[in-house]
Amino acid sequence: NIDYVAVYNKGPGSTTPPPAGGNLSQGKTATASSTENGSF
């Protein structure tokens, strides 16, 4: 059962404002107690 389908576009050069507060962690330095292996 299909209710609707929609296609949305954002043009070149347009931007979507980040959510209030923004993502503070992306691209920052992360460390962990362990890793399964070097791939993770």
Full PDB file with SEQRES, HELIX, SHEET, SSBOND, CRYST1, ORIGX, SCALE, CONECT and MASTER records, all heavy atoms in Angstrom:
SEQRES   1 A   40  ASN ILE ASP TYR VAL ALA VAL TYR ASN LYS GLY PRO GLY          
SEQRES   2 A   40  SER THR THR PRO PRO PRO ALA GLY GLY ASN LEU SER GLN          
SEQRES   3 A   40  GLY LYS THR ALA THR ALA SER SER THR GLU ASN GLY SER          
SEQRES   4 A   40  PHE                                                          
CRYST1    1.000    1.000    1.000  90.00  90.00  90.00 P 1           1          
ORIGX1      1.000000  0.000000  0.000000        0.00000                         
ORIGX2      0.000000  1.000000  0.000000        0.00000                         
ORIGX3      0.000000  0.000000  1.000000        0.00000                         
SCALE1      1.000000  0.000000  0.000000        0.00000                         
SCALE2      0.000000  1.000000  0.000000        0.00000                         
SCALE3      0.000000  0.000000  1.000000        0.00000                         
ATOM      1  N   ASN A   1       0.845  -1.196   0.000  1.00  0.00           N  
ATOM      2  CA  ASN A   1       0.000   0.000   0.000  1.00  0.00           C  
ATOM      3  C   ASN A   1       0.880   1.245   0.000  1.00  0.00           C  
ATOM      4  O   ASN A   1       1.788   1.360   0.826  1.00  0.00           O  
ATOM      5  CB  ASN A   1      -0.907   0.005   1.231  1.00  0.00           C  
ATOM      6  CG  ASN A   1      -1.801  -1.217   1.300  1.00  0.00           C  
ATOM      7  OD1 ASN A   1      -2.299  -1.680   0.282  1.00  0.00           O  
ATOM      8  ND2 ASN A   1      -2.001  -1.745   2.499  1.00  0.00           N  
ATOM      9  N   ILE A   2       0.596   2.167  -0.899  1.00  0.00           N  
ATOM     10  CA  ILE A   2       1.433   3.358  -1.081  1.00  0.00           C  
ATOM     11  C   ILE A   2       0.575   4.593  -0.853  1.00  0.00           C  
ATOM     12  O   ILE A   2      -0.468   4.756  -1.501  1.00  0.00           O  
ATOM     13  CB  ILE A   2       2.044   3.376  -2.494  1.00  0.00           C  
ATOM     14  CG1 ILE A   2       2.865   2.091  -2.728  1.00  0.00           C  
ATOM     15  CG2 ILE A   2       2.912   4.615  -2.685  1.00  0.00           C  
ATOM     16  CD1 ILE A   2       3.026   1.732  -4.182  1.00  0.00           C  
ATOM     17  N   ASP A   3       0.988   5.449   0.072  1.00  0.00           N  
ATOM     18  CA  ASP A   3       0.213   6.633   0.430  1.00  0.00           C  
ATOM     19  C   ASP A   3       0.539   7.802  -0.500  1.00  0.00           C  
ATOM     20  O   ASP A   3      -0.350   8.450  -1.048  1.00  0.00           O  
ATOM     21  CB  ASP A   3       0.504   6.995   1.887  1.00  0.00           C  
ATOM     22  CG  ASP A   3      -0.461   8.024   2.437  1.00  0.00           C  
ATOM     23  OD1 ASP A   3      -1.303   8.512   1.672  1.00  0.00           O  
ATOM     24  OD2 ASP A   3      -0.376   8.341   3.633  1.00  0.00           O  
ATOM     25  N   TYR A   4       1.826   8.081  -0.672  1.00  0.00           N  
ATOM     26  CA  TYR A   4       2.235   9.173  -1.563  1.00  0.00           C  
ATOM     27  C   TYR A   4       3.670   8.944  -1.996  1.00  0.00           C  
ATOM     28  O   TYR A   4       4.406   8.151  -1.398  1.00  0.00           O  
ATOM     29  CB  TYR A   4       2.120  10.547  -0.871  1.00  0.00           C  
ATOM     30  CG  TYR A   4       3.110  10.742   0.267  1.00  0.00           C  
ATOM     31  CD1 TYR A   4       4.433  11.110   0.003  1.00  0.00           C  
ATOM     32  CD2 TYR A   4       2.745  10.525   1.589  1.00  0.00           C  
ATOM     33  CE1 TYR A   4       5.346  11.260   1.030  1.00  0.00           C  
ATOM     34  CE2 TYR A   4       3.660  10.673   2.620  1.00  0.00           C  
ATOM     35  CZ  TYR A   4       4.954  11.041   2.333  1.00  0.00           C  
ATOM     36  OH  TYR A   4       5.874  11.169   3.350  1.00  0.00           O  
ATOM     37  N   VAL A   5       4.074   9.661  -3.030  1.00  0.00           N  
ATOM     38  CA  VAL A   5       5.469   9.740  -3.433  1.00  0.00           C  
ATOM     39  C   VAL A   5       5.756  11.201  -3.747  1.00  0.00           C  
ATOM     40  O   VAL A   5       4.898  11.904  -4.293  1.00  0.00           O  
ATOM     41  CB  VAL A   5       5.766   8.838  -4.652  1.00  0.00           C  
ATOM     42  CG1 VAL A   5       4.897   9.196  -5.847  1.00  0.00           C  
ATOM     43  CG2 VAL A   5       7.245   8.882  -5.023  1.00  0.00           C  
ATOM     44  N   ALA A   6       6.920  11.678  -3.365  1.00  0.00           N  
ATOM     45  CA  ALA A   6       7.292  13.073  -3.611  1.00  0.00           C  
ATOM     46  C   ALA A   6       8.760  13.167  -3.970  1.00  0.00           C  
ATOM     47  O   ALA A   6       9.588  12.385  -3.477  1.00  0.00           O  
ATOM     48  CB  ALA A   6       7.003  13.934  -2.380  1.00  0.00           C  
ATOM     49  N   VAL A   7       9.060  14.129  -4.842  1.00  0.00           N  
ATOM     50  CA  VAL A   7      10.441  14.443  -5.213  1.00  0.00           C  
ATOM     51  C   VAL A   7      10.693  15.887  -4.812  1.00  0.00           C  
ATOM     52  O   VAL A   7       9.913  16.780  -5.166  1.00  0.00           O  
ATOM     53  CB  VAL A   7      10.679  14.254  -6.722  1.00  0.00           C  
ATOM     54  CG1 VAL A   7      12.123  14.616  -7.075  1.00  0.00           C  
ATOM     55  CG2 VAL A   7      10.363  12.824  -7.145  1.00  0.00           C  
ATOM     56  N   TYR A   8      11.766  16.100  -4.053  1.00  0.00           N  
ATOM     57  CA  TYR A   8      12.136  17.433  -3.589  1.00  0.00           C  
ATOM     58  C   TYR A   8      13.532  17.768  -4.118  1.00  0.00           C  
ATOM     59  O   TYR A   8      14.400  16.895  -4.181  1.00  0.00           O  
ATOM     60  CB  TYR A   8      12.174  17.495  -2.063  1.00  0.00           C  
ATOM     61  CG  TYR A   8      10.910  17.037  -1.375  1.00  0.00           C  
ATOM     62  CD1 TYR A   8      10.854  15.790  -0.753  1.00  0.00           C  
ATOM     63  CD2 TYR A   8       9.789  17.846  -1.314  1.00  0.00           C  
ATOM     64  CE1 TYR A   8       9.708  15.360  -0.098  1.00  0.00           C  
ATOM     65  CE2 TYR A   8       8.636  17.430  -0.656  1.00  0.00           C  
ATOM     66  CZ  TYR A   8       8.601  16.180  -0.052  1.00  0.00           C  
ATOM     67  OH  TYR A   8       7.465  15.766   0.596  1.00  0.00           O  
ATOM     68  N   ASN A   9      13.740  19.034  -4.460  1.00  0.00           N  
ATOM     69  CA  ASN A   9      15.051  19.460  -4.937  1.00  0.00           C  
ATOM     70  C   ASN A   9      15.562  20.674  -4.177  1.00  0.00           C  
ATOM     71  O   ASN A   9      14.777  21.535  -3.761  1.00  0.00           O  
ATOM     72  CB  ASN A   9      15.009  19.804  -6.423  1.00  0.00           C  
ATOM     73  CG  ASN A   9      15.210  18.592  -7.304  1.00  0.00           C  
ATOM     74  OD1 ASN A   9      14.245  17.923  -7.654  1.00  0.00           O  
ATOM     75  ND2 ASN A   9      16.454  18.295  -7.646  1.00  0.00           N  
ATOM     76  N   LYS A  10      16.862  20.716  -4.018  1.00  0.00           N  
ATOM     77  CA  LYS A  10      17.556  21.889  -3.485  1.00  0.00           C  
ATOM     78  C   LYS A  10      18.552  22.322  -4.556  1.00  0.00           C  
ATOM     79  O   LYS A  10      19.368  21.519  -5.018  1.00  0.00           O  
ATOM     80  CB  LYS A  10      18.285  21.560  -2.186  1.00  0.00           C  
ATOM     81  CG  LYS A  10      18.983  22.764  -1.542  1.00  0.00           C  
ATOM     82  CD  LYS A  10      19.964  22.326  -0.460  1.00  0.00           C  
ATOM     83  CE  LYS A  10      19.287  21.624   0.680  1.00  0.00           C  
ATOM     84  NZ  LYS A  10      20.264  21.333   1.774  1.00  0.00           N  
ATOM     85  N   GLY A  11      18.482  23.574  -4.966  1.00  0.00           N  
ATOM     86  CA  GLY A  11      19.305  24.046  -6.064  1.00  0.00           C  
ATOM     87  C   GLY A  11      20.753  24.247  -5.691  1.00  0.00           C  
ATOM     88  O   GLY A  11      21.102  24.323  -4.505  1.00  0.00           O  
ATOM     89  N   PRO A  12      21.623  24.361  -6.680  1.00  0.00           N  
ATOM     90  CA  PRO A  12      23.046  24.619  -6.415  1.00  0.00           C  
ATOM     91  C   PRO A  12      23.218  25.892  -5.598  1.00  0.00           C  
ATOM     92  O   PRO A  12      22.535  26.889  -5.830  1.00  0.00           O  
ATOM     93  CB  PRO A  12      23.638  24.786  -7.815  1.00  0.00           C  
ATOM     94  CG  PRO A  12      22.691  24.071  -8.709  1.00  0.00           C  
ATOM     95  CD  PRO A  12      21.338  24.243  -8.107  1.00  0.00           C  
ATOM     96  N   GLY A  13      24.097  25.814  -4.610  1.00  0.00           N  
ATOM     97  CA  GLY A  13      24.416  26.984  -3.804  1.00  0.00           C  
ATOM     98  C   GLY A  13      23.493  27.201  -2.632  1.00  0.00           C  
ATOM     99  O   GLY A  13      23.768  28.025  -1.774  1.00  0.00           O  
ATOM    100  N   SER A  14      22.356  26.494  -2.582  1.00  0.00           N  
ATOM    101  CA  SER A  14      21.459  26.661  -1.444  1.00  0.00           C  
ATOM    102  C   SER A  14      21.937  25.824  -0.281  1.00  0.00           C  
ATOM    103  O   SER A  14      22.663  24.857  -0.446  1.00  0.00           O  
ATOM    104  CB  SER A  14      20.040  26.246  -1.832  1.00  0.00           C  
ATOM    105  OG  SER A  14      20.017  24.893  -2.234  1.00  0.00           O  
ATOM    106  N   THR A  15      21.557  26.207   0.888  1.00  0.00           N  
ATOM    107  CA  THR A  15      21.989  25.488   2.085  1.00  0.00           C  
ATOM    108  C   THR A  15      20.810  25.279   3.008  1.00  0.00           C  
ATOM    109  O   THR A  15      19.856  26.040   3.003  1.00  0.00           O  
ATOM    110  CB  THR A  15      23.079  26.251   2.861  1.00  0.00           C  
ATOM    111  OG1 THR A  15      22.548  27.532   3.245  1.00  0.00           O  
ATOM    112  CG2 THR A  15      24.307  26.458   2.004  1.00  0.00           C  
ATOM    113  N   THR A  16      20.875  24.220   3.777  1.00  0.00           N  
ATOM    114  CA  THR A  16      19.880  23.971   4.811  1.00  0.00           C  
ATOM    115  C   THR A  16      20.469  24.375   6.146  1.00  0.00           C  
ATOM    116  O   THR A  16      21.536  23.876   6.522  1.00  0.00           O  
ATOM    117  CB  THR A  16      19.508  22.480   4.852  1.00  0.00           C  
ATOM    118  OG1 THR A  16      18.981  22.120   3.579  1.00  0.00           O  
ATOM    119  CG2 THR A  16      18.478  22.215   5.932  1.00  0.00           C  
ATOM    120  N   PRO A  17      19.819  25.285   6.884  1.00  0.00           N  
ATOM    121  CA  PRO A  17      20.377  25.686   8.169  1.00  0.00           C  
ATOM    122  C   PRO A  17      20.533  24.487   9.086  1.00  0.00           C  
ATOM    123  O   PRO A  17      19.675  23.599   9.097  1.00  0.00           O  
ATOM    124  CB  PRO A  17      19.321  26.663   8.714  1.00  0.00           C  
ATOM    125  CG  PRO A  17      18.556  27.100   7.521  1.00  0.00           C  
ATOM    126  CD  PRO A  17      18.568  25.953   6.572  1.00  0.00           C  
ATOM    127  N   PRO A  18      21.622  24.409   9.835  1.00  0.00           N  
ATOM    128  CA  PRO A  18      21.789  23.293  10.765  1.00  0.00           C  
ATOM    129  C   PRO A  18      20.748  23.376  11.867  1.00  0.00           C  
ATOM    130  O   PRO A  18      20.213  24.447  12.138  1.00  0.00           O  
ATOM    131  CB  PRO A  18      23.204  23.502  11.324  1.00  0.00           C  
ATOM    132  CG  PRO A  18      23.444  24.966  11.168  1.00  0.00           C  
ATOM    133  CD  PRO A  18      22.723  25.385   9.925  1.00  0.00           C  
ATOM    134  N   PRO A  19      20.400  22.248  12.490  1.00  0.00           N  
ATOM    135  CA  PRO A  19      19.459  22.303  13.599  1.00  0.00           C  
ATOM    136  C   PRO A  19      20.023  23.149  14.728  1.00  0.00           C  
ATOM    137  O   PRO A  19      21.238  23.327  14.838  1.00  0.00           O  
ATOM    138  CB  PRO A  19      19.331  20.826  14.028  1.00  0.00           C  
ATOM    139  CG  PRO A  19      20.570  20.169  13.511  1.00  0.00           C  
ATOM    140  CD  PRO A  19      20.932  20.904  12.256  1.00  0.00           C  
ATOM    141  N   ALA A  20      19.108  23.694  15.536  1.00  0.00           N  
ATOM    142  CA  ALA A  20      19.545  24.529  16.648  1.00  0.00           C  
ATOM    143  C   ALA A  20      20.578  23.777  17.472  1.00  0.00           C  
ATOM    144  O   ALA A  20      20.357  22.648  17.884  1.00  0.00           O  
ATOM    145  CB  ALA A  20      18.353  24.907  17.516  1.00  0.00           C  
ATOM    146  N   GLY A  21      21.695  24.378  17.697  1.00  0.00           N  
ATOM    147  CA  GLY A  21      22.755  23.738  18.468  1.00  0.00           C  
ATOM    148  C   GLY A  21      23.775  23.042  17.603  1.00  0.00           C  
ATOM    149  O   GLY A  21      24.932  22.974  17.957  1.00  0.00           O  
ATOM    150  N   GLY A  22      23.373  22.514  16.427  1.00  0.00           N  
ATOM    151  CA  GLY A  22      24.316  21.900  15.506  1.00  0.00           C  
ATOM    152  C   GLY A  22      24.936  20.622  16.047  1.00  0.00           C  
ATOM    153  O   GLY A  22      24.893  20.315  17.231  1.00  0.00           O  
ATOM    154  N   ASN A  23      25.529  19.830  15.150  1.00  0.00           N  
ATOM    155  CA  ASN A  23      26.245  18.615  15.521  1.00  0.00           C  
ATOM    156  C   ASN A  23      27.661  19.011  15.909  1.00  0.00           C  
ATOM    157  O   ASN A  23      28.472  19.359  15.053  1.00  0.00           O  
ATOM    158  CB  ASN A  23      26.244  17.628  14.360  1.00  0.00           C  
ATOM    159  CG  ASN A  23      26.967  16.338  14.697  1.00  0.00           C  
ATOM    160  OD1 ASN A  23      27.441  16.140  15.809  1.00  0.00           O  
ATOM    161  ND2 ASN A  23      27.048  15.454  13.716  1.00  0.00           N  
ATOM    162  N   LEU A  24      27.969  18.936  17.194  1.00  0.00           N  
ATOM    163  CA  LEU A  24      29.260  19.391  17.709  1.00  0.00           C  
ATOM    164  C   LEU A  24      30.368  18.366  17.541  1.00  0.00           C  
ATOM    165  O   LEU A  24      31.545  18.700  17.628  1.00  0.00           O  
ATOM    166  CB  LEU A  24      29.132  19.750  19.183  1.00  0.00           C  
ATOM    167  CG  LEU A  24      28.063  20.794  19.551  1.00  0.00           C  
ATOM    168  CD1 LEU A  24      27.958  20.907  21.072  1.00  0.00           C  
ATOM    169  CD2 LEU A  24      28.400  22.143  18.936  1.00  0.00           C  
ATOM    170  N   SER A  25      29.993  17.104  17.307  1.00  0.00           N  
ATOM    171  CA  SER A  25      30.987  16.037  17.363  1.00  0.00           C  
ATOM    172  C   SER A  25      31.587  15.671  16.009  1.00  0.00           C  
ATOM    173  O   SER A  25      32.671  15.074  15.962  1.00  0.00           O  
ATOM    174  CB  SER A  25      30.361  14.777  17.979  1.00  0.00           C  
ATOM    175  OG  SER A  25      29.238  14.355  17.236  1.00  0.00           O  
ATOM    176  N   GLN A  26      30.901  16.005  14.911  1.00  0.00           N  
ATOM    177  CA  GLN A  26      31.357  15.537  13.610  1.00  0.00           C  
ATOM    178  C   GLN A  26      32.750  16.066  13.282  1.00  0.00           C  
ATOM    179  O   GLN A  26      33.016  17.259  13.357  1.00  0.00           O  
ATOM    180  CB  GLN A  26      30.377  15.941  12.514  1.00  0.00           C  
ATOM    181  CG  GLN A  26      30.758  15.351  11.157  1.00  0.00           C  
ATOM    182  CD  GLN A  26      29.634  15.451  10.150  1.00  0.00           C  
ATOM    183  OE1 GLN A  26      28.470  15.321  10.484  1.00  0.00           O  
ATOM    184  NE2 GLN A  26      29.980  15.707   8.900  1.00  0.00           N  
ATOM    185  N   GLY A  27      33.635  15.139  12.928  1.00  0.00           N  
ATOM    186  CA  GLY A  27      34.992  15.479  12.542  1.00  0.00           C  
ATOM    187  C   GLY A  27      35.934  15.757  13.696  1.00  0.00           C  
ATOM    188  O   GLY A  27      37.125  16.038  13.479  1.00  0.00           O  
ATOM    189  N   LYS A  28      35.434  15.664  14.925  1.00  0.00           N  
ATOM    190  CA  LYS A  28      36.285  15.917  16.093  1.00  0.00           C  
ATOM    191  C   LYS A  28      37.052  14.653  16.477  1.00  0.00           C  
ATOM    192  O   LYS A  28      36.795  13.560  15.951  1.00  0.00           O  
ATOM    193  CB  LYS A  28      35.442  16.412  17.267  1.00  0.00           C  
ATOM    194  CG  LYS A  28      34.688  17.704  16.991  1.00  0.00           C  
ATOM    195  CD  LYS A  28      35.633  18.847  16.706  1.00  0.00           C  
ATOM    196  CE  LYS A  28      34.907  20.124  16.276  1.00  0.00           C  
ATOM    197  NZ  LYS A  28      33.910  20.586  17.227  1.00  0.00           N  
ATOM    198  N   THR A  29      37.998  14.795  17.385  1.00  0.00           N  
ATOM    199  CA  THR A  29      38.840  13.673  17.799  1.00  0.00           C  
ATOM    200  C   THR A  29      38.064  12.717  18.692  1.00  0.00           C  
ATOM    201  O   THR A  29      37.501  13.121  19.715  1.00  0.00           O  
ATOM    202  CB  THR A  29      40.080  14.173  18.552  1.00  0.00           C  
ATOM    203  OG1 THR A  29      40.822  15.043  17.694  1.00  0.00           O  
ATOM    204  CG2 THR A  29      40.958  13.003  18.980  1.00  0.00           C  
ATOM    205  N   ALA A  30      38.016  11.450  18.308  1.00  0.00           N  
ATOM    206  CA  ALA A  30      37.331  10.429  19.097  1.00  0.00           C  
ATOM    207  C   ALA A  30      38.312   9.338  19.486  1.00  0.00           C  
ATOM    208  O   ALA A  30      39.200   8.976  18.708  1.00  0.00           O  
ATOM    209  CB  ALA A  30      36.170   9.828  18.306  1.00  0.00           C  
ATOM    210  N   THR A  31      38.157   8.845  20.692  1.00  0.00           N  
ATOM    211  CA  THR A  31      38.966   7.731  21.193  1.00  0.00           C  
ATOM    212  C   THR A  31      38.037   6.708  21.834  1.00  0.00           C  
ATOM    213  O   THR A  31      36.873   7.012  22.118  1.00  0.00           O  
ATOM    214  CB  THR A  31      40.007   8.201  22.216  1.00  0.00           C  
ATOM    215  OG1 THR A  31      39.335   8.923  23.264  1.00  0.00           O  
ATOM    216  CG2 THR A  31      41.048   9.100  21.577  1.00  0.00           C  
ATOM    217  N   ALA A  32      38.547   5.504  22.046  1.00  0.00           N  
ATOM    218  CA  ALA A  32      37.708   4.440  22.599  1.00  0.00           C  
ATOM    219  C   ALA A  32      38.536   3.523  23.475  1.00  0.00           C  
ATOM    220  O   ALA A  32      39.769   3.476  23.374  1.00  0.00           O  
ATOM    221  CB  ALA A  32      37.047   3.648  21.477  1.00  0.00           C  
ATOM    222  N   SER A  33      37.835   2.782  24.308  1.00  0.00           N  
ATOM    223  CA  SER A  33      38.502   1.826  25.197  1.00  0.00           C  
ATOM    224  C   SER A  33      39.155   0.705  24.406  1.00  0.00           C  
ATOM    225  O   SER A  33      40.157   0.131  24.835  1.00  0.00           O  
ATOM    226  CB  SER A  33      37.481   1.238  26.176  1.00  0.00           C  
ATOM    227  OG  SER A  33      36.374   0.692  25.468  1.00  0.00           O  
ATOM    228  N   SER A  34      38.591   0.379  23.234  1.00  0.00           N  
ATOM    229  CA  SER A  34      39.142  -0.685  22.394  1.00  0.00           C  
ATOM    230  C   SER A  34      38.517  -0.589  21.019  1.00  0.00           C  
ATOM    231  O   SER A  34      37.517   0.105  20.813  1.00  0.00           O  
ATOM    232  CB  SER A  34      38.838  -2.069  23.001  1.00  0.00           C  
ATOM    233  OG  SER A  34      37.439  -2.320  22.974  1.00  0.00           O  
ATOM    234  N   THR A  35      39.109  -1.295  20.077  1.00  0.00           N  
ATOM    235  CA  THR A  35      38.497  -1.481  18.758  1.00  0.00           C  
ATOM    236  C   THR A  35      38.594  -2.945  18.401  1.00  0.00           C  
ATOM    237  O   THR A  35      39.541  -3.640  18.803  1.00  0.00           O  
ATOM    238  CB  THR A  35      39.187  -0.643  17.662  1.00  0.00           C  
ATOM    239  OG1 THR A  35      40.576  -0.979  17.630  1.00  0.00           O  
ATOM    240  CG2 THR A  35      39.024   0.836  17.926  1.00  0.00           C  
ATOM    241  N   GLU A  36      37.608  -3.402  17.665  1.00  0.00           N  
ATOM    242  CA  GLU A  36      37.619  -4.798  17.232  1.00  0.00           C  
ATOM    243  C   GLU A  36      38.850  -5.086  16.387  1.00  0.00           C  
ATOM    244  O   GLU A  36      39.547  -6.076  16.576  1.00  0.00           O  
ATOM    245  CB  GLU A  36      36.352  -5.103  16.443  1.00  0.00           C  
ATOM    246  CG  GLU A  36      36.302  -6.532  15.924  1.00  0.00           C  
ATOM    247  CD  GLU A  36      35.199  -6.734  14.916  1.00  0.00           C  
ATOM    248  OE1 GLU A  36      34.287  -5.900  14.838  1.00  0.00           O  
ATOM    249  OE2 GLU A  36      35.272  -7.749  14.184  1.00  0.00           O  
ATOM    250  N   ASN A  37      39.130  -4.183  15.429  1.00  0.00           N  
ATOM    251  CA  ASN A  37      40.347  -4.247  14.628  1.00  0.00           C  
ATOM    252  C   ASN A  37      40.514  -2.904  13.940  1.00  0.00           C  
ATOM    253  O   ASN A  37      39.702  -1.986  14.126  1.00  0.00           O  
ATOM    254  CB  ASN A  37      40.315  -5.421  13.628  1.00  0.00           C  
ATOM    255  CG  ASN A  37      39.158  -5.349  12.657  1.00  0.00           C  
ATOM    256  OD1 ASN A  37      38.933  -4.306  12.033  1.00  0.00           O  
ATOM    257  ND2 ASN A  37      38.422  -6.447  12.515  1.00  0.00           N  
ATOM    258  N   GLY A  38      41.540  -2.790  13.116  1.00  0.00           N  
ATOM    259  CA  GLY A  38      41.860  -1.511  12.499  1.00  0.00           C  
ATOM    260  C   GLY A  38      40.824  -0.993  11.533  1.00  0.00           C  
ATOM    261  O   GLY A  38      40.873   0.183  11.150  1.00  0.00           O  
ATOM    262  N   SER A  39      39.870  -1.829  11.137  1.00  0.00           N  
ATOM    263  CA  SER A  39      38.827  -1.377  10.215  1.00  0.00           C  
ATOM    264  C   SER A  39      37.713  -0.609  10.901  1.00  0.00           C  
ATOM    265  O   SER A  39      36.869  -0.019  10.224  1.00  0.00           O  
ATOM    266  CB  SER A  39      38.215  -2.592   9.491  1.00  0.00           C  
ATOM    267  OG  SER A  39      39.180  -3.262   8.714  1.00  0.00           O  
ATOM    268  N   PHE A  40      37.681  -0.616  12.238  1.00  0.00           N  
ATOM    269  CA  PHE A  40      36.557  -0.031  12.971  1.00  0.00           C  
ATOM    270  C   PHE A  40      37.028   0.949  14.046  1.00  0.00           C  
ATOM    271  O   PHE A  40      36.705   0.808  15.220  1.00  0.00           O  
ATOM    272  CB  PHE A  40      35.712  -1.138  13.602  1.00  0.00           C  
ATOM    273  CG  PHE A  40      35.251  -2.182  12.620  1.00  0.00           C  
ATOM    274  CD1 PHE A  40      35.805  -3.451  12.623  1.00  0.00           C  
ATOM    275  CD2 PHE A  40      34.281  -1.879  11.682  1.00  0.00           C  
ATOM    276  CE1 PHE A  40      35.386  -4.413  11.709  1.00  0.00           C  
ATOM    277  CE2 PHE A  40      33.855  -2.837  10.764  1.00  0.00           C  
ATOM    278  CZ  PHE A  40      34.408  -4.105  10.775  1.00  0.00           C  
TER     279      PHE A  40                                                      
MASTER        0    0    0    0    0    0    0    6  278    1    0    4          
END                                                                             
